[in-house]
Amino acid sequence: MSLALRPSTLADLETHVAHRVAMFRDMDMGAEEELRRMAEAFRHQLRSWLVTGQCRGLVLEEAGRAVASVLLLLKDSVPTPVTPLSVRGYLFNVYTEPSHRRQGLAARLTEAALDVARELGIEIVELHASLEAEGLYQRFGFVPTSEMRLVMGPGIKTPKQWKHRR
């Protein structure tokens, strides 16, 4: 059966939330209670972003059922010598259901999201890749950067996925 690619609407909110939870569950990142809390906060945040257009999404459907999706956030940034634009794209929530993996869907979604970014005039797109997905994004020209992160919240442990990235 063929897959249809379409822009997300507010009606896809729960799909994106479910895909986010499944993505972190697949990476073994977060206990169920933590995933539930994240989902609730994300639901409210994403709803606002979709309504205002600050976030654009894409969904791949098979027979009317979402099997993969991606989100592109337009985030404020500071101008640099690389680009004077104060907005960057942030690609996230790239997710494919297990039954549809290894069929190029993440690549198809990434390419479509990058096309949206180009249409909007975005000059820099960033993302955080799982170790498993780094090769995919490198094929699109993404390169590792010098970004670092300090976790300061009491009781928050640095996830193992953030360690040893260079």
N, C-alpha and C. Protein backbone atom coordinates (compact mmCIF):
# COMPACT_ATOMS: atom_id res chain seq x y z
N MET A 1 0.84 -1.18 0.00
CA MET A 1 0.00 0.00 0.00
C MET A 1 0.89 1.25 0.00
N SER A 2 0.45 2.28 -0.68
CA SER A 2 1.26 3.49 -0.77
C SER A 2 1.04 4.39 0.45
N LEU A 3 2.04 5.22 0.70
CA LEU A 3 2.00 6.14 1.83
C LEU A 3 1.73 7.55 1.32
N ALA A 4 0.90 8.28 2.04
CA ALA A 4 0.58 9.65 1.69
C ALA A 4 1.25 10.59 2.69
N LEU A 5 1.96 11.60 2.18
CA LEU A 5 2.59 12.61 3.01
C LEU A 5 1.70 13.84 3.02
N ARG A 6 1.44 14.35 4.21
CA ARG A 6 0.61 15.55 4.31
C ARG A 6 1.06 16.40 5.49
N PRO A 7 0.74 17.70 5.44
CA PRO A 7 1.05 18.57 6.59
C PRO A 7 0.20 18.20 7.79
N SER A 8 0.75 18.38 8.96
CA SER A 8 0.01 18.16 10.21
C SER A 8 -1.02 19.26 10.39
N THR A 9 -2.06 18.89 11.09
CA THR A 9 -3.05 19.86 11.55
C THR A 9 -3.20 19.68 13.06
N LEU A 10 -4.00 20.52 13.66
CA LEU A 10 -4.25 20.40 15.09
C LEU A 10 -4.87 19.03 15.41
N ALA A 11 -5.56 18.45 14.45
CA ALA A 11 -6.16 17.12 14.66
C ALA A 11 -5.09 16.03 14.85
N ASP A 12 -3.84 16.32 14.49
CA ASP A 12 -2.75 15.35 14.65
C ASP A 12 -2.02 15.50 15.97
N LEU A 13 -2.50 16.36 16.83
CA LEU A 13 -1.82 16.61 18.11
C LEU A 13 -1.54 15.31 18.86
N GLU A 14 -2.54 14.47 19.04
CA GLU A 14 -2.34 13.24 19.82
C GLU A 14 -1.40 12.26 19.13
N THR A 15 -1.36 12.28 17.80
CA THR A 15 -0.41 11.44 17.08
C THR A 15 1.01 11.87 17.41
N HIS A 16 1.27 13.17 17.36
CA HIS A 16 2.61 13.67 17.66
C HIS A 16 2.99 13.40 19.12
N VAL A 17 2.04 13.53 20.02
CA VAL A 17 2.32 13.25 21.43
C VAL A 17 2.64 11.76 21.60
N ALA A 18 1.83 10.91 21.01
CA ALA A 18 2.07 9.46 21.11
C ALA A 18 3.41 9.07 20.49
N HIS A 19 3.75 9.68 19.37
CA HIS A 19 5.02 9.38 18.73
C HIS A 19 6.19 9.84 19.59
N ARG A 20 6.04 10.98 20.28
CA ARG A 20 7.11 11.45 21.15
C ARG A 20 7.33 10.49 22.32
N VAL A 21 6.26 10.05 22.93
CA VAL A 21 6.36 9.10 24.03
C VAL A 21 6.99 7.80 23.54
N ALA A 22 6.55 7.30 22.40
CA ALA A 22 7.09 6.05 21.86
C ALA A 22 8.57 6.19 21.52
N MET A 23 8.96 7.36 21.00
CA MET A 23 10.36 7.59 20.66
C MET A 23 11.24 7.48 21.90
N PHE A 24 10.85 8.15 22.98
CA PHE A 24 11.65 8.09 24.20
C PHE A 24 11.58 6.70 24.84
N ARG A 25 10.46 6.06 24.74
CA ARG A 25 10.34 4.70 25.28
C ARG A 25 11.28 3.77 24.50
N ASP A 26 11.32 3.91 23.18
CA ASP A 26 12.21 3.08 22.36
C ASP A 26 13.68 3.31 22.71
N MET A 27 14.03 4.53 23.12
CA MET A 27 15.42 4.83 23.50
C MET A 27 15.69 4.49 24.96
N ASP A 28 14.68 3.90 25.62
CA ASP A 28 14.79 3.56 27.03
C ASP A 28 15.17 4.78 27.86
N MET A 29 14.46 5.87 27.59
CA MET A 29 14.76 7.13 28.24
C MET A 29 13.52 7.60 28.98
N GLY A 30 13.48 7.36 30.27
CA GLY A 30 12.37 7.82 31.09
C GLY A 30 11.48 6.69 31.56
N ALA A 31 11.15 6.76 32.84
CA ALA A 31 10.18 5.82 33.41
C ALA A 31 8.78 6.22 32.96
N GLU A 32 7.83 5.33 33.11
CA GLU A 32 6.47 5.59 32.63
C GLU A 32 5.88 6.87 33.22
N GLU A 33 6.08 7.12 34.50
CA GLU A 33 5.55 8.34 35.12
C GLU A 33 6.20 9.58 34.51
N GLU A 34 7.50 9.51 34.25
CA GLU A 34 8.20 10.63 33.61
C GLU A 34 7.69 10.85 32.18
N LEU A 35 7.44 9.78 31.47
CA LEU A 35 6.90 9.89 30.11
C LEU A 35 5.49 10.49 30.13
N ARG A 36 4.70 10.11 31.11
CA ARG A 36 3.34 10.64 31.23
C ARG A 36 3.38 12.15 31.49
N ARG A 37 4.25 12.57 32.41
CA ARG A 37 4.38 14.01 32.72
C ARG A 37 4.87 14.78 31.50
N MET A 38 5.85 14.21 30.80
CA MET A 38 6.35 14.86 29.60
C MET A 38 5.25 15.00 28.56
N ALA A 39 4.47 13.94 28.37
CA ALA A 39 3.41 13.96 27.36
C ALA A 39 2.39 15.05 27.65
N GLU A 40 2.02 15.19 28.90
CA GLU A 40 1.03 16.22 29.27
C GLU A 40 1.57 17.62 29.00
N ALA A 41 2.80 17.87 29.39
CA ALA A 41 3.39 19.20 29.15
C ALA A 41 3.57 19.43 27.64
N PHE A 42 4.04 18.41 26.93
CA PHE A 42 4.26 18.54 25.49
C PHE A 42 2.95 18.79 24.75
N ARG A 43 1.88 18.13 25.16
CA ARG A 43 0.57 18.30 24.53
C ARG A 43 0.16 19.77 24.55
N HIS A 44 0.31 20.43 25.69
CA HIS A 44 -0.08 21.84 25.81
C HIS A 44 0.84 22.73 24.98
N GLN A 45 2.14 22.46 25.04
CA GLN A 45 3.10 23.26 24.30
C GLN A 45 2.90 23.12 22.79
N LEU A 46 2.79 21.88 22.32
CA LEU A 46 2.64 21.65 20.88
C LEU A 46 1.33 22.22 20.36
N ARG A 47 0.28 22.12 21.14
CA ARG A 47 -0.99 22.69 20.71
C ARG A 47 -0.82 24.17 20.39
N SER A 48 -0.18 24.89 21.29
CA SER A 48 0.05 26.32 21.08
C SER A 48 0.91 26.55 19.84
N TRP A 49 1.97 25.79 19.70
CA TRP A 49 2.86 25.96 18.54
C TRP A 49 2.15 25.68 17.22
N LEU A 50 1.30 24.65 17.19
CA LEU A 50 0.57 24.33 15.96
C LEU A 50 -0.45 25.42 15.62
N VAL A 51 -1.11 25.94 16.64
CA VAL A 51 -2.11 27.00 16.42
C VAL A 51 -1.45 28.26 15.87
N THR A 52 -0.29 28.63 16.42
CA THR A 52 0.38 29.87 16.00
C THR A 52 1.23 29.69 14.75
N GLY A 53 1.49 28.46 14.36
CA GLY A 53 2.35 28.22 13.20
C GLY A 53 3.83 28.20 13.54
N GLN A 54 4.16 28.30 14.82
CA GLN A 54 5.57 28.25 15.22
C GLN A 54 6.16 26.87 14.98
N CYS A 55 5.31 25.88 14.88
CA CYS A 55 5.75 24.52 14.61
C CYS A 55 4.96 23.99 13.43
N ARG A 56 5.67 23.36 12.51
CA ARG A 56 5.04 22.74 11.34
C ARG A 56 5.32 21.24 11.43
N GLY A 57 4.34 20.46 11.11
CA GLY A 57 4.51 19.02 11.16
C GLY A 57 4.15 18.37 9.85
N LEU A 58 4.63 17.16 9.70
CA LEU A 58 4.31 16.33 8.54
C LEU A 58 3.98 14.93 9.04
N VAL A 59 3.05 14.31 8.37
CA VAL A 59 2.61 12.96 8.73
C VAL A 59 2.62 12.08 7.49
N LEU A 60 3.13 10.87 7.64
CA LEU A 60 3.00 9.86 6.59
C LEU A 60 1.89 8.91 7.02
N GLU A 61 0.94 8.72 6.12
CA GLU A 61 -0.21 7.86 6.43
C GLU A 61 -0.28 6.68 5.49
N GLU A 62 -0.76 5.59 6.04
CA GLU A 62 -1.07 4.40 5.25
C GLU A 62 -2.53 4.07 5.52
N ALA A 63 -3.33 4.10 4.50
CA ALA A 63 -4.77 3.83 4.63
C ALA A 63 -5.40 4.71 5.71
N GLY A 64 -4.99 6.00 5.76
CA GLY A 64 -5.57 6.95 6.70
C GLY A 64 -5.02 6.87 8.11
N ARG A 65 -4.04 6.01 8.37
CA ARG A 65 -3.45 5.87 9.70
C ARG A 65 -2.02 6.38 9.68
N ALA A 66 -1.70 7.26 10.64
CA ALA A 66 -0.35 7.83 10.73
C ALA A 66 0.63 6.75 11.13
N VAL A 67 1.68 6.56 10.33
CA VAL A 67 2.70 5.55 10.62
C VAL A 67 4.07 6.19 10.88
N ALA A 68 4.20 7.49 10.58
CA ALA A 68 5.45 8.20 10.81
C ALA A 68 5.15 9.70 10.82
N SER A 69 5.98 10.45 11.54
CA SER A 69 5.75 11.90 11.60
C SER A 69 7.03 12.62 11.98
N VAL A 70 7.01 13.93 11.76
CA VAL A 70 8.14 14.80 12.10
C VAL A 70 7.58 16.18 12.44
N LEU A 71 8.34 16.92 13.24
CA LEU A 71 7.98 18.30 13.58
C LEU A 71 9.16 19.22 13.30
N LEU A 72 8.86 20.43 12.85
CA LEU A 72 9.86 21.46 12.59
C LEU A 72 9.45 22.70 13.37
N LEU A 73 10.24 23.02 14.39
CA LEU A 73 9.99 24.19 15.22
C LEU A 73 10.77 25.37 14.68
N LEU A 74 10.13 26.52 14.61
CA LEU A 74 10.81 27.76 14.25
C LEU A 74 11.17 28.42 15.56
N LYS A 75 12.45 28.40 15.90
CA LYS A 75 12.86 28.87 17.22
C LYS A 75 13.71 30.13 17.11
N ASP A 76 13.53 30.99 18.08
CA ASP A 76 14.33 32.21 18.14
C ASP A 76 15.77 31.86 18.41
N SER A 77 16.65 32.63 17.82
CA SER A 77 18.08 32.45 18.01
C SER A 77 18.72 33.83 17.94
N VAL A 78 20.00 33.87 18.14
CA VAL A 78 20.70 35.15 18.02
C VAL A 78 21.46 35.16 16.70
N PRO A 79 21.52 36.31 16.04
CA PRO A 79 22.29 36.40 14.80
C PRO A 79 23.77 36.08 15.08
N THR A 80 24.41 35.47 14.11
CA THR A 80 25.83 35.15 14.20
C THR A 80 26.48 35.55 12.88
N PRO A 81 27.81 35.48 12.81
CA PRO A 81 28.45 35.73 11.52
C PRO A 81 28.04 34.72 10.45
N VAL A 82 27.58 33.53 10.87
CA VAL A 82 27.17 32.50 9.92
C VAL A 82 25.87 32.92 9.23
N THR A 83 24.93 33.48 9.99
CA THR A 83 23.68 33.98 9.43
C THR A 83 23.15 35.10 10.32
N PRO A 84 22.68 36.19 9.72
CA PRO A 84 22.09 37.27 10.50
C PRO A 84 20.65 36.97 10.92
N LEU A 85 20.07 35.88 10.43
CA LEU A 85 18.68 35.57 10.78
C LEU A 85 18.56 35.21 12.25
N SER A 86 17.49 35.64 12.86
CA SER A 86 17.28 35.35 14.28
C SER A 86 16.28 34.21 14.49
N VAL A 87 16.09 33.41 13.48
CA VAL A 87 15.23 32.23 13.60
C VAL A 87 15.97 31.05 12.96
N ARG A 88 15.85 29.92 13.62
CA ARG A 88 16.43 28.68 13.11
C ARG A 88 15.35 27.61 13.13
N GLY A 89 15.56 26.62 12.32
CA GLY A 89 14.68 25.47 12.35
C GLY A 89 15.22 24.45 13.34
N TYR A 90 14.33 23.80 14.04
CA TYR A 90 14.72 22.72 14.94
C TYR A 90 13.87 21.51 14.57
N LEU A 91 14.51 20.52 13.99
CA LEU A 91 13.84 19.31 13.56
C LEU A 91 13.77 18.34 14.74
N PHE A 92 12.58 17.85 15.04
CA PHE A 92 12.45 16.94 16.19
C PHE A 92 11.27 16.01 16.00
N ASN A 93 11.17 15.07 16.91
CA ASN A 93 10.06 14.12 16.92
C ASN A 93 9.98 13.32 15.62
N VAL A 94 11.13 12.99 15.06
CA VAL A 94 11.13 12.14 13.87
C VAL A 94 10.85 10.72 14.36
N TYR A 95 9.72 10.18 13.97
CA TYR A 95 9.33 8.88 14.50
C TYR A 95 8.65 8.04 13.43
N THR A 96 9.04 6.77 13.39
CA THR A 96 8.40 5.79 12.51
C THR A 96 7.96 4.60 13.36
N GLU A 97 6.74 4.17 13.18
CA GLU A 97 6.25 3.01 13.92
C GLU A 97 7.12 1.79 13.59
N PRO A 98 7.34 0.92 14.57
CA PRO A 98 8.22 -0.25 14.35
C PRO A 98 7.86 -1.07 13.11
N SER A 99 6.59 -1.22 12.82
CA SER A 99 6.18 -2.04 11.66
C SER A 99 6.55 -1.42 10.33
N HIS A 100 6.95 -0.15 10.33
CA HIS A 100 7.27 0.54 9.08
C HIS A 100 8.72 1.01 9.01
N ARG A 101 9.54 0.56 9.93
CA ARG A 101 10.95 0.98 9.95
C ARG A 101 11.75 0.27 8.85
N ARG A 102 12.91 0.88 8.56
CA ARG A 102 13.85 0.36 7.55
C ARG A 102 13.25 0.39 6.14
N GLN A 103 12.36 1.37 5.93
CA GLN A 103 11.76 1.55 4.60
C GLN A 103 12.02 2.96 4.07
N GLY A 104 12.89 3.70 4.75
CA GLY A 104 13.24 5.04 4.28
C GLY A 104 12.27 6.14 4.68
N LEU A 105 11.37 5.85 5.61
CA LEU A 105 10.36 6.85 5.97
C LEU A 105 10.96 8.03 6.73
N ALA A 106 11.91 7.77 7.62
CA ALA A 106 12.55 8.87 8.36
C ALA A 106 13.29 9.79 7.38
N ALA A 107 13.93 9.21 6.39
CA ALA A 107 14.61 10.02 5.37
C ALA A 107 13.60 10.83 4.56
N ARG A 108 12.50 10.22 4.21
CA ARG A 108 11.45 10.93 3.44
C ARG A 108 10.90 12.09 4.26
N LEU A 109 10.64 11.87 5.54
CA LEU A 109 10.13 12.93 6.39
C LEU A 109 11.16 14.04 6.59
N THR A 110 12.42 13.65 6.78
CA THR A 110 13.48 14.64 6.97
C THR A 110 13.60 15.51 5.72
N GLU A 111 13.62 14.89 4.57
CA GLU A 111 13.73 15.65 3.32
C GLU A 111 12.55 16.61 3.16
N ALA A 112 11.36 16.15 3.45
CA ALA A 112 10.17 17.00 3.33
C ALA A 112 10.21 18.16 4.33
N ALA A 113 10.66 17.89 5.55
CA ALA A 113 10.76 18.96 6.55
C ALA A 113 11.81 19.98 6.15
N LEU A 114 12.93 19.52 5.59
CA LEU A 114 13.96 20.45 5.12
C LEU A 114 13.44 21.28 3.96
N ASP A 115 12.59 20.71 3.12
CA ASP A 115 11.96 21.48 2.04
C ASP A 115 11.08 22.59 2.62
N VAL A 116 10.33 22.27 3.67
CA VAL A 116 9.51 23.29 4.34
C VAL A 116 10.40 24.40 4.88
N ALA A 117 11.50 24.02 5.52
CA ALA A 117 12.42 25.02 6.07
C ALA A 117 12.97 25.93 4.96
N ARG A 118 13.33 25.33 3.83
CA ARG A 118 13.83 26.12 2.70
C ARG A 118 12.76 27.09 2.20
N GLU A 119 11.54 26.60 2.06
CA GLU A 119 10.43 27.45 1.61
C GLU A 119 10.22 28.64 2.54
N LEU A 120 10.48 28.45 3.83
CA LEU A 120 10.32 29.52 4.81
C LEU A 120 11.53 30.44 4.88
N GLY A 121 12.59 30.10 4.16
CA GLY A 121 13.80 30.92 4.17
C GLY A 121 14.74 30.65 5.32
N ILE A 122 14.53 29.54 6.00
CA ILE A 122 15.39 29.16 7.13
C ILE A 122 16.78 28.81 6.60
N GLU A 123 17.82 29.32 7.23
CA GLU A 123 19.18 29.08 6.76
C GLU A 123 19.93 28.05 7.60
N ILE A 124 19.50 27.80 8.81
CA ILE A 124 20.14 26.80 9.67
C ILE A 124 19.05 25.93 10.30
N VAL A 125 19.24 24.63 10.22
CA VAL A 125 18.34 23.68 10.87
C VAL A 125 19.18 22.84 11.82
N GLU A 126 18.69 22.71 13.03
CA GLU A 126 19.39 21.94 14.07
C GLU A 126 18.54 20.76 14.49
N LEU A 127 19.16 19.80 15.13
CA LEU A 127 18.44 18.66 15.69
C LEU A 127 19.32 17.96 16.70
N HIS A 128 18.72 17.13 17.49
CA HIS A 128 19.44 16.23 18.39
C HIS A 128 19.14 14.82 17.88
N ALA A 129 20.18 14.12 17.49
CA ALA A 129 20.01 12.79 16.91
C ALA A 129 20.36 11.70 17.91
N SER A 130 19.61 10.63 17.87
CA SER A 130 20.00 9.45 18.62
C SER A 130 21.25 8.89 17.93
N LEU A 131 22.01 8.11 18.65
CA LEU A 131 23.20 7.50 18.05
C LEU A 131 22.83 6.69 16.81
N GLU A 132 21.71 6.01 16.88
CA GLU A 132 21.26 5.17 15.77
C GLU A 132 20.95 5.99 14.52
N ALA A 133 20.49 7.23 14.70
CA ALA A 133 20.05 8.05 13.56
C ALA A 133 21.10 9.01 13.03
N GLU A 134 22.26 9.10 13.67
CA GLU A 134 23.26 10.06 13.23
C GLU A 134 23.63 9.91 11.76
N GLY A 135 23.80 8.69 11.30
CA GLY A 135 24.16 8.45 9.90
C GLY A 135 23.13 9.01 8.93
N LEU A 136 21.87 8.83 9.26
CA LEU A 136 20.80 9.38 8.42
C LEU A 136 20.96 10.87 8.25
N TYR A 137 21.14 11.58 9.35
CA TYR A 137 21.22 13.04 9.27
C TYR A 137 22.52 13.50 8.63
N GLN A 138 23.58 12.77 8.82
CA GLN A 138 24.84 13.13 8.17
C GLN A 138 24.71 13.02 6.65
N ARG A 139 23.92 12.08 6.17
CA ARG A 139 23.69 11.96 4.72
C ARG A 139 22.99 13.20 4.17
N PHE A 140 22.24 13.90 5.00
CA PHE A 140 21.59 15.15 4.59
C PHE A 140 22.50 16.36 4.76
N GLY A 141 23.69 16.16 5.31
CA GLY A 141 24.64 17.25 5.48
C GLY A 141 24.73 17.80 6.88
N PHE A 142 23.99 17.24 7.84
CA PHE A 142 24.10 17.68 9.23
C PHE A 142 25.49 17.30 9.74
N VAL A 143 26.06 18.18 10.56
CA VAL A 143 27.37 17.92 11.15
C VAL A 143 27.28 18.11 12.66
N PRO A 144 28.05 17.34 13.42
CA PRO A 144 28.08 17.56 14.87
C PRO A 144 28.64 18.95 15.17
N THR A 145 28.15 19.55 16.24
CA THR A 145 28.61 20.88 16.63
C THR A 145 29.25 20.82 18.01
N SER A 146 29.66 21.95 18.47
CA SER A 146 30.32 22.03 19.78
C SER A 146 29.33 22.25 20.92
N GLU A 147 28.06 22.03 20.70
CA GLU A 147 27.05 22.26 21.73
C GLU A 147 27.35 21.44 22.98
N MET A 148 27.17 22.08 24.10
CA MET A 148 27.31 21.40 25.39
C MET A 148 26.08 21.70 26.22
N ARG A 149 25.86 20.93 27.27
CA ARG A 149 24.66 21.09 28.08
C ARG A 149 25.01 20.85 29.54
N LEU A 150 24.44 21.66 30.40
CA LEU A 150 24.61 21.52 31.84
C LEU A 150 23.25 21.22 32.44
N VAL A 151 23.11 20.10 33.09
CA VAL A 151 21.86 19.74 33.76
C VAL A 151 21.95 20.24 35.19
N MET A 152 21.08 21.19 35.55
CA MET A 152 21.17 21.84 36.86
C MET A 152 20.01 21.52 37.80
N GLY A 153 18.96 20.91 37.29
CA GLY A 153 17.81 20.62 38.12
C GLY A 153 18.13 19.58 39.19
N PRO A 154 17.65 19.81 40.40
CA PRO A 154 17.93 18.85 41.47
C PRO A 154 17.30 17.49 41.15
N GLY A 155 18.08 16.46 41.29
CA GLY A 155 17.58 15.10 41.06
C GLY A 155 17.55 14.68 39.60
N ILE A 156 17.94 15.56 38.69
CA ILE A 156 17.94 15.19 37.27
C ILE A 156 19.29 14.61 36.92
N LYS A 157 19.28 13.43 36.35
CA LYS A 157 20.52 12.77 35.95
C LYS A 157 20.74 12.97 34.46
N THR A 158 21.98 13.13 34.07
CA THR A 158 22.29 13.26 32.65
C THR A 158 22.02 11.92 31.97
N PRO A 159 21.14 11.91 30.96
CA PRO A 159 20.83 10.65 30.27
C PRO A 159 22.07 10.06 29.61
N LYS A 160 22.13 8.74 29.59
CA LYS A 160 23.29 8.08 28.99
C LYS A 160 23.43 8.43 27.52
N GLN A 161 22.32 8.78 26.85
CA GLN A 161 22.38 9.13 25.43
C GLN A 161 23.15 10.42 25.20
N TRP A 162 23.32 11.25 26.23
CA TRP A 162 24.04 12.53 26.08
C TRP A 162 25.52 12.38 26.30
N LYS A 163 25.95 11.27 26.79
CA LYS A 163 27.36 11.07 27.14
C LYS A 163 28.12 10.48 25.95
N HIS A 164 29.40 10.79 25.88
CA HIS A 164 30.30 10.19 24.90
C HIS A 164 29.83 10.40 23.48
N ARG A 165 29.50 11.63 23.13
CA ARG A 165 28.98 11.93 21.79
C ARG A 165 30.08 12.34 20.81
N ARG A 166 31.30 12.48 21.26
CA ARG A 166 32.36 12.90 20.32
C ARG A 166 33.36 11.81 20.14
